[in-house]
Structures are given as C-alpha cells and as structure tokens.
Amino acid sequence: MPDGAKLTAAILLGALGFILSDMIRALMEEDMNFGYFNYVNVLLGVVVGWSLVGRRAGRGLTFAINNGFTGVVSLVFLGLFVQGVNEMLRLALRNRYDNAFEALIAVVELMMEYALVMATIPIAVVVVLGGIIAGLCTEVAWHRWR
C-alpha cells in the first residue's frame, strides 16, 4: 500500500544513489564508459527505499536511524552486486571465462574490487549521514502522513 513514508524513503534513497554514483564516477578511470550507471543506482535506491526502509517506518527514533543505515548498506551491497554482474557479463561476452563457476567467482571478485575503490572517507561519510537523514525523514513522513 503506498504511503508517505515509502514515497519519502524512495525519493531520498534514489537521490542518495545518484549522489554516490557521481562520487564513485570521479574515483574511476577517466576513459571508462559508465553507460546507465547513475540511472541503475537511482532505480536501486528507489526500490530499496520503497520496499525496505519505507515499509519498516513508524517504530521510533532509534529504529529510524538503524532503518536508514540498513537501507543505505543494502543499497551499496545491491549496487555492488548489480555492477559486478554487469561487468562479468561484459567480460563473459568476450570469452574471458571457461565455465559458469568461474564467472560467478568473478562477480564476487569484481564486487570486492569496486568496494575497495569506494572505500574512501567522503563516500563513507555520505553513506552514514545519508542513511541517518533518510531514516529520520522517513520516520517524520510516517508520523505526518499515516
């Protein structure tokens, strides 16, 4: 059932996905083709905000902070997974892998590689503060529009 908390969480985590995508693009190689990178991460943020953060709103202040932080961590993990699968498929079409198991291992390796690129203090600050703000705003929206 749509409500204000789900909409607020979806908008805020979508915006956070866009901000984080731009920050990550600045850390990568200049000649890298990102394609739909920002749009995919915004869509993931909207889905995680609507289905995870917005659904769990209305349980108090402490839970709101934990809820927002959990949502952002889920967004980051899901983004790493989707981008890892995308890169693995690109490499698989160039016959880089001998079998399916090797390709699945490559997804985990690519996720870890991208996580190391993301492991900077500015990104960590945006993740933590963005999660807290998203959780608190979702809680306020739940109390205001229920």
N, C-alpha and C. Protein backbone atom coordinates (compact mmCIF):
# COMPACT_ATOMS: atom_id res chain seq x y z
N MET A 1 0.83 -1.17 0.00
CA MET A 1 0.00 0.00 0.00
C MET A 1 0.89 1.25 0.00
N PRO A 2 0.72 2.13 -0.96
CA PRO A 2 1.53 3.34 -0.99
C PRO A 2 1.20 4.27 0.18
N ASP A 3 2.23 4.86 0.72
CA ASP A 3 2.04 5.87 1.76
C ASP A 3 3.19 6.86 1.71
N GLY A 4 3.11 7.88 2.56
CA GLY A 4 4.10 8.95 2.55
C GLY A 4 5.49 8.48 2.93
N ALA A 5 5.58 7.53 3.85
CA ALA A 5 6.88 7.05 4.30
C ALA A 5 7.60 6.31 3.17
N LYS A 6 6.87 5.47 2.44
CA LYS A 6 7.50 4.73 1.34
C LYS A 6 7.96 5.68 0.24
N LEU A 7 7.13 6.67 -0.07
CA LEU A 7 7.50 7.64 -1.10
C LEU A 7 8.70 8.46 -0.68
N THR A 8 8.72 8.89 0.58
CA THR A 8 9.85 9.68 1.08
C THR A 8 11.13 8.87 1.04
N ALA A 9 11.06 7.63 1.52
CA ALA A 9 12.25 6.77 1.53
C ALA A 9 12.73 6.50 0.10
N ALA A 10 11.81 6.27 -0.82
CA ALA A 10 12.19 6.01 -2.21
C ALA A 10 12.88 7.21 -2.83
N ILE A 11 12.34 8.40 -2.60
CA ILE A 11 12.94 9.61 -3.16
C ILE A 11 14.31 9.87 -2.56
N LEU A 12 14.42 9.75 -1.23
CA LEU A 12 15.69 10.05 -0.58
C LEU A 12 16.78 9.04 -0.93
N LEU A 13 16.44 7.75 -0.96
CA LEU A 13 17.47 6.78 -1.31
C LEU A 13 17.80 6.81 -2.80
N GLY A 14 16.84 7.18 -3.63
CA GLY A 14 17.15 7.39 -5.04
C GLY A 14 18.12 8.54 -5.23
N ALA A 15 17.87 9.64 -4.52
CA ALA A 15 18.79 10.78 -4.58
C ALA A 15 20.16 10.43 -4.03
N LEU A 16 20.17 9.66 -2.95
CA LEU A 16 21.45 9.23 -2.38
C LEU A 16 22.20 8.32 -3.35
N GLY A 17 21.48 7.47 -4.05
CA GLY A 17 22.11 6.63 -5.07
C GLY A 17 22.74 7.45 -6.17
N PHE A 18 22.06 8.53 -6.56
CA PHE A 18 22.61 9.41 -7.60
C PHE A 18 23.86 10.13 -7.10
N ILE A 19 23.81 10.64 -5.88
CA ILE A 19 24.97 11.35 -5.31
C ILE A 19 26.16 10.42 -5.19
N LEU A 20 25.93 9.23 -4.67
CA LEU A 20 27.03 8.26 -4.53
C LEU A 20 27.57 7.83 -5.88
N SER A 21 26.70 7.70 -6.87
CA SER A 21 27.16 7.33 -8.22
C SER A 21 28.10 8.38 -8.78
N ASP A 22 27.75 9.65 -8.62
CA ASP A 22 28.64 10.71 -9.10
C ASP A 22 29.97 10.72 -8.35
N MET A 23 29.93 10.46 -7.07
CA MET A 23 31.17 10.42 -6.29
C MET A 23 32.05 9.25 -6.73
N ILE A 24 31.44 8.12 -7.05
CA ILE A 24 32.19 6.95 -7.48
C ILE A 24 32.75 7.17 -8.89
N ARG A 25 31.98 7.80 -9.75
CA ARG A 25 32.47 8.08 -11.11
C ARG A 25 33.74 8.92 -11.08
N ALA A 26 33.84 9.82 -10.11
CA ALA A 26 35.03 10.66 -10.01
C ALA A 26 36.26 9.86 -9.59
N LEU A 27 36.05 8.71 -8.94
CA LEU A 27 37.17 7.89 -8.48
C LEU A 27 37.66 6.90 -9.54
N MET A 28 36.87 6.64 -10.55
CA MET A 28 37.22 5.64 -11.55
C MET A 28 38.08 6.26 -12.66
N GLU A 29 38.53 5.40 -13.56
CA GLU A 29 39.36 5.85 -14.67
C GLU A 29 38.57 6.81 -15.56
N GLU A 30 39.28 7.76 -16.14
CA GLU A 30 38.61 8.80 -16.93
C GLU A 30 38.01 8.27 -18.22
N ASP A 31 38.62 7.27 -18.83
CA ASP A 31 38.13 6.78 -20.12
C ASP A 31 37.09 5.67 -19.97
N MET A 32 36.63 5.41 -18.75
CA MET A 32 35.67 4.35 -18.51
C MET A 32 34.28 4.77 -18.99
N ASN A 33 33.60 3.88 -19.69
CA ASN A 33 32.24 4.14 -20.17
C ASN A 33 31.26 3.65 -19.11
N PHE A 34 30.51 4.57 -18.50
CA PHE A 34 29.60 4.21 -17.42
C PHE A 34 28.21 3.84 -17.90
N GLY A 35 27.83 4.26 -19.07
CA GLY A 35 26.51 3.90 -19.59
C GLY A 35 25.38 4.38 -18.69
N TYR A 36 24.57 3.44 -18.22
CA TYR A 36 23.42 3.73 -17.37
C TYR A 36 23.73 3.61 -15.88
N PHE A 37 24.98 3.79 -15.50
CA PHE A 37 25.42 3.60 -14.12
C PHE A 37 24.59 4.41 -13.12
N ASN A 38 24.44 5.69 -13.35
CA ASN A 38 23.68 6.55 -12.43
C ASN A 38 22.21 6.14 -12.38
N TYR A 39 21.62 5.86 -13.54
CA TYR A 39 20.21 5.53 -13.59
C TYR A 39 19.91 4.20 -12.90
N VAL A 40 20.79 3.24 -13.07
CA VAL A 40 20.61 1.94 -12.41
C VAL A 40 20.69 2.11 -10.90
N ASN A 41 21.64 2.90 -10.43
CA ASN A 41 21.79 3.10 -8.99
C ASN A 41 20.63 3.91 -8.41
N VAL A 42 20.10 4.85 -9.16
CA VAL A 42 18.91 5.58 -8.71
C VAL A 42 17.73 4.62 -8.60
N LEU A 43 17.55 3.77 -9.59
CA LEU A 43 16.46 2.79 -9.56
C LEU A 43 16.61 1.84 -8.38
N LEU A 44 17.83 1.39 -8.12
CA LEU A 44 18.07 0.53 -6.95
C LEU A 44 17.73 1.26 -5.66
N GLY A 45 18.09 2.54 -5.57
CA GLY A 45 17.77 3.33 -4.39
C GLY A 45 16.27 3.47 -4.19
N VAL A 46 15.54 3.68 -5.28
CA VAL A 46 14.08 3.80 -5.18
C VAL A 46 13.47 2.48 -4.71
N VAL A 47 13.94 1.38 -5.27
CA VAL A 47 13.40 0.06 -4.88
C VAL A 47 13.72 -0.25 -3.43
N VAL A 48 14.95 -0.03 -3.01
CA VAL A 48 15.32 -0.31 -1.61
C VAL A 48 14.57 0.63 -0.67
N GLY A 49 14.44 1.90 -1.03
CA GLY A 49 13.72 2.84 -0.18
C GLY A 49 12.27 2.47 -0.03
N TRP A 50 11.62 2.12 -1.13
CA TRP A 50 10.20 1.78 -1.09
C TRP A 50 9.96 0.47 -0.34
N SER A 51 10.73 -0.55 -0.69
CA SER A 51 10.42 -1.88 -0.16
C SER A 51 11.04 -2.18 1.20
N LEU A 52 12.14 -1.56 1.54
CA LEU A 52 12.81 -1.89 2.80
C LEU A 52 12.64 -0.78 3.84
N VAL A 53 13.08 0.41 3.53
CA VAL A 53 13.08 1.49 4.51
C VAL A 53 11.66 2.00 4.77
N GLY A 54 10.91 2.26 3.72
CA GLY A 54 9.56 2.79 3.90
C GLY A 54 8.62 1.82 4.58
N ARG A 55 8.80 0.54 4.34
CA ARG A 55 7.94 -0.47 4.93
C ARG A 55 8.16 -0.61 6.43
N ARG A 56 9.36 -0.32 6.90
CA ARG A 56 9.71 -0.52 8.30
C ARG A 56 9.64 0.76 9.12
N ALA A 57 9.02 1.80 8.60
CA ALA A 57 8.95 3.08 9.32
C ALA A 57 7.88 3.03 10.41
N GLY A 58 8.00 3.91 11.40
CA GLY A 58 6.99 4.07 12.43
C GLY A 58 7.27 3.35 13.73
N ARG A 59 8.51 3.02 13.99
CA ARG A 59 8.84 2.26 15.19
C ARG A 59 9.70 3.03 16.18
N GLY A 60 9.92 4.29 15.96
CA GLY A 60 10.67 5.09 16.92
C GLY A 60 11.94 5.68 16.33
N LEU A 61 12.55 6.55 17.11
CA LEU A 61 13.71 7.32 16.65
C LEU A 61 14.94 6.44 16.45
N THR A 62 15.25 5.61 17.43
CA THR A 62 16.43 4.75 17.31
C THR A 62 16.29 3.78 16.15
N PHE A 63 15.11 3.21 16.03
CA PHE A 63 14.87 2.29 14.92
C PHE A 63 14.93 3.01 13.58
N ALA A 64 14.52 4.28 13.55
CA ALA A 64 14.58 5.05 12.31
C ALA A 64 16.02 5.22 11.84
N ILE A 65 16.92 5.51 12.76
CA ILE A 65 18.33 5.65 12.40
C ILE A 65 18.87 4.32 11.90
N ASN A 66 18.57 3.24 12.61
CA ASN A 66 19.01 1.92 12.18
C ASN A 66 18.39 1.52 10.85
N ASN A 67 17.14 1.88 10.65
CA ASN A 67 16.44 1.58 9.41
C ASN A 67 17.10 2.29 8.23
N GLY A 68 17.40 3.56 8.38
CA GLY A 68 18.06 4.31 7.31
C GLY A 68 19.44 3.77 7.00
N PHE A 69 20.19 3.46 8.05
CA PHE A 69 21.53 2.92 7.84
C PHE A 69 21.47 1.54 7.16
N THR A 70 20.53 0.71 7.59
CA THR A 70 20.36 -0.60 6.95
C THR A 70 19.98 -0.45 5.48
N GLY A 71 19.13 0.53 5.19
CA GLY A 71 18.73 0.76 3.81
C GLY A 71 19.90 1.18 2.93
N VAL A 72 20.76 2.04 3.44
CA VAL A 72 21.90 2.50 2.65
C VAL A 72 22.92 1.38 2.46
N VAL A 73 23.15 0.60 3.49
CA VAL A 73 24.07 -0.53 3.36
C VAL A 73 23.51 -1.54 2.34
N SER A 74 22.21 -1.77 2.37
CA SER A 74 21.58 -2.65 1.39
C SER A 74 21.72 -2.08 -0.02
N LEU A 75 21.55 -0.77 -0.14
CA LEU A 75 21.71 -0.12 -1.44
C LEU A 75 23.13 -0.29 -1.96
N VAL A 76 24.11 -0.08 -1.11
CA VAL A 76 25.51 -0.22 -1.54
C VAL A 76 25.81 -1.66 -1.95
N PHE A 77 25.37 -2.63 -1.14
CA PHE A 77 25.63 -4.03 -1.48
C PHE A 77 24.92 -4.42 -2.77
N LEU A 78 23.67 -4.02 -2.92
CA LEU A 78 22.93 -4.35 -4.13
C LEU A 78 23.55 -3.67 -5.35
N GLY A 79 24.01 -2.43 -5.17
CA GLY A 79 24.68 -1.73 -6.27
C GLY A 79 25.98 -2.42 -6.68
N LEU A 80 26.76 -2.84 -5.68
CA LEU A 80 27.99 -3.57 -5.99
C LEU A 80 27.68 -4.87 -6.72
N PHE A 81 26.63 -5.56 -6.29
CA PHE A 81 26.27 -6.82 -6.93
C PHE A 81 25.82 -6.61 -8.38
N VAL A 82 24.95 -5.64 -8.60
CA VAL A 82 24.44 -5.40 -9.95
C VAL A 82 25.56 -4.94 -10.88
N GLN A 83 26.41 -4.05 -10.40
CA GLN A 83 27.50 -3.58 -11.25
C GLN A 83 28.54 -4.69 -11.49
N GLY A 84 28.74 -5.56 -10.49
CA GLY A 84 29.64 -6.70 -10.67
C GLY A 84 29.10 -7.68 -11.70
N VAL A 85 27.80 -7.96 -11.65
CA VAL A 85 27.18 -8.86 -12.63
C VAL A 85 27.25 -8.24 -14.02
N ASN A 86 27.02 -6.94 -14.11
CA ASN A 86 27.09 -6.26 -15.40
C ASN A 86 28.49 -6.37 -16.01
N GLU A 87 29.49 -6.13 -15.20
CA GLU A 87 30.87 -6.23 -15.71
C GLU A 87 31.23 -7.67 -16.05
N MET A 88 30.76 -8.62 -15.25
CA MET A 88 31.02 -10.03 -15.54
C MET A 88 30.38 -10.42 -16.87
N LEU A 89 29.16 -9.98 -17.13
CA LEU A 89 28.52 -10.29 -18.40
C LEU A 89 29.27 -9.67 -19.57
N ARG A 90 29.78 -8.46 -19.39
CA ARG A 90 30.56 -7.83 -20.45
C ARG A 90 31.82 -8.64 -20.75
N LEU A 91 32.48 -9.10 -19.70
CA LEU A 91 33.69 -9.91 -19.89
C LEU A 91 33.37 -11.30 -20.40
N ALA A 92 32.23 -11.85 -20.00
CA ALA A 92 31.84 -13.18 -20.47
C ALA A 92 31.54 -13.18 -21.97
N LEU A 93 31.00 -12.08 -22.47
CA LEU A 93 30.74 -11.99 -23.90
C LEU A 93 32.03 -11.89 -24.72
N ARG A 94 33.11 -11.60 -24.05
CA ARG A 94 34.43 -11.58 -24.71
C ARG A 94 35.19 -12.88 -24.46
N ASN A 95 34.49 -13.91 -23.99
CA ASN A 95 35.04 -15.26 -23.75
C ASN A 95 36.19 -15.26 -22.76
N ARG A 96 36.03 -14.50 -21.69
CA ARG A 96 37.08 -14.43 -20.68
C ARG A 96 37.03 -15.61 -19.72
N TYR A 97 35.85 -16.21 -19.54
CA TYR A 97 35.67 -17.28 -18.56
C TYR A 97 35.48 -18.61 -19.27
N ASP A 98 36.02 -19.67 -18.63
CA ASP A 98 35.92 -21.01 -19.20
C ASP A 98 34.61 -21.70 -18.84
N ASN A 99 34.07 -21.41 -17.65
CA ASN A 99 32.82 -22.05 -17.24
C ASN A 99 32.01 -21.08 -16.38
N ALA A 100 30.80 -21.51 -16.03
CA ALA A 100 29.88 -20.65 -15.27
C ALA A 100 30.39 -20.40 -13.85
N PHE A 101 31.02 -21.39 -13.25
CA PHE A 101 31.50 -21.22 -11.88
C PHE A 101 32.59 -20.15 -11.81
N GLU A 102 33.44 -20.12 -12.80
CA GLU A 102 34.48 -19.09 -12.86
C GLU A 102 33.87 -17.69 -13.01
N ALA A 103 32.78 -17.60 -13.77
CA ALA A 103 32.09 -16.32 -13.93
C ALA A 103 31.44 -15.88 -12.62
N LEU A 104 30.86 -16.82 -11.88
CA LEU A 104 30.24 -16.47 -10.59
C LEU A 104 31.29 -16.01 -9.58
N ILE A 105 32.45 -16.64 -9.59
CA ILE A 105 33.54 -16.20 -8.71
C ILE A 105 33.99 -14.80 -9.11
N ALA A 106 33.97 -14.53 -10.40
CA ALA A 106 34.39 -13.21 -10.88
C ALA A 106 33.45 -12.11 -10.38
N VAL A 107 32.16 -12.42 -10.21
CA VAL A 107 31.23 -11.42 -9.68
C VAL A 107 31.67 -10.99 -8.29
N VAL A 108 32.02 -11.95 -7.45
CA VAL A 108 32.46 -11.62 -6.08
C VAL A 108 33.77 -10.85 -6.12
N GLU A 109 34.69 -11.24 -6.99
CA GLU A 109 35.95 -10.52 -7.10
C GLU A 109 35.74 -9.08 -7.58
N LEU A 110 34.84 -8.91 -8.55
CA LEU A 110 34.56 -7.56 -9.04
C LEU A 110 33.88 -6.72 -7.96
N MET A 111 32.98 -7.32 -7.19
CA MET A 111 32.34 -6.59 -6.09
C MET A 111 33.38 -6.11 -5.08
N MET A 112 34.33 -6.97 -4.74
CA MET A 112 35.37 -6.58 -3.79
C MET A 112 36.27 -5.49 -4.38
N GLU A 113 36.57 -5.60 -5.67
CA GLU A 113 37.39 -4.58 -6.32
C GLU A 113 36.70 -3.22 -6.31
N TYR A 114 35.40 -3.21 -6.63
CA TYR A 114 34.66 -1.95 -6.61
C TYR A 114 34.49 -1.42 -5.19
N ALA A 115 34.36 -2.31 -4.21
CA ALA A 115 34.26 -1.88 -2.82
C ALA A 115 35.54 -1.21 -2.37
N LEU A 116 36.68 -1.70 -2.83
CA LEU A 116 37.96 -1.06 -2.49
C LEU A 116 38.08 0.32 -3.12
N VAL A 117 37.54 0.48 -4.31
CA VAL A 117 37.55 1.80 -4.94
C VAL A 117 36.66 2.76 -4.15
N MET A 118 35.55 2.24 -3.64
CA MET A 118 34.61 3.07 -2.88
C MET A 118 35.08 3.39 -1.47
N ALA A 119 36.04 2.66 -0.97
CA ALA A 119 36.45 2.79 0.43
C ALA A 119 37.25 4.07 0.66
N THR A 120 36.55 5.18 0.61
CA THR A 120 37.16 6.48 0.91
C THR A 120 36.34 7.15 2.01
N ILE A 121 36.96 8.08 2.68
CA ILE A 121 36.28 8.77 3.78
C ILE A 121 35.08 9.59 3.29
N PRO A 122 35.18 10.36 2.20
CA PRO A 122 34.00 11.12 1.78
C PRO A 122 32.79 10.23 1.45
N ILE A 123 33.03 9.10 0.81
CA ILE A 123 31.92 8.21 0.49
C ILE A 123 31.35 7.60 1.76
N ALA A 124 32.21 7.23 2.70
CA ALA A 124 31.73 6.67 3.97
C ALA A 124 30.89 7.69 4.74
N VAL A 125 31.31 8.94 4.72
CA VAL A 125 30.55 9.99 5.41
C VAL A 125 29.18 10.17 4.76
N VAL A 126 29.15 10.20 3.44
CA VAL A 126 27.87 10.36 2.73
C VAL A 126 26.96 9.16 2.99
N VAL A 127 27.52 7.97 3.03
CA VAL A 127 26.72 6.77 3.30
C VAL A 127 26.12 6.84 4.69
N VAL A 128 26.93 7.14 5.69
CA VAL A 128 26.43 7.15 7.08
C VAL A 128 25.44 8.30 7.29
N LEU A 129 25.82 9.51 6.93
CA LEU A 129 24.92 10.66 7.14
C LEU A 129 23.67 10.57 6.26
N GLY A 130 23.83 10.12 5.04
CA GLY A 130 22.67 9.95 4.16
C GLY A 130 21.70 8.92 4.69
N GLY A 131 22.22 7.83 5.23
CA GLY A 131 21.35 6.82 5.81
C GLY A 131 20.60 7.33 7.03
N ILE A 132 21.29 8.06 7.88
CA ILE A 132 20.64 8.60 9.08
C ILE A 132 19.56 9.61 8.69
N ILE A 133 19.89 10.50 7.77
CA ILE A 133 18.92 11.51 7.33
C ILE A 133 17.72 10.85 6.65
N ALA A 134 17.97 9.86 5.80
CA ALA A 134 16.87 9.18 5.12
C ALA A 134 15.97 8.46 6.13
N GLY A 135 16.56 7.82 7.12
CA GLY A 135 15.76 7.13 8.13
C GLY A 135 14.93 8.09 8.96
N LEU A 136 15.52 9.20 9.37
CA LEU A 136 14.79 10.17 10.18
C LEU A 136 13.68 10.85 9.38
N CYS A 137 13.96 11.21 8.14
CA CYS A 137 12.93 11.84 7.31
C CYS A 137 11.79 10.87 7.00
N THR A 138 12.11 9.61 6.83
CA THR A 138 11.07 8.60 6.60
C THR A 138 10.20 8.45 7.84
N GLU A 139 10.81 8.50 9.01
CA GLU A 139 10.05 8.41 10.25
C GLU A 139 9.13 9.62 10.41
N VAL A 140 9.63 10.80 10.11
CA VAL A 140 8.81 12.01 10.19
C VAL A 140 7.64 11.92 9.20
N ALA A 141 7.92 11.42 7.99
CA ALA A 141 6.86 11.28 6.99
C ALA A 141 5.82 10.27 7.45
N TRP A 142 6.23 9.22 8.10
CA TRP A 142 5.28 8.23 8.59
C TRP A 142 4.36 8.83 9.64
N HIS A 143 4.92 9.63 10.53
CA HIS A 143 4.09 10.26 11.56
C HIS A 143 3.18 11.35 10.98
N ARG A 144 3.64 12.01 9.96
CA ARG A 144 2.87 13.12 9.40
C ARG A 144 1.75 12.64 8.46
N TRP A 145 2.02 11.62 7.66
CA TRP A 145 1.07 11.18 6.62
C TRP A 145 0.62 9.74 6.80
N ARG A 146 0.24 9.35 7.96
CA ARG A 146 -0.23 7.97 8.09
C ARG A 146 -1.71 7.82 8.06
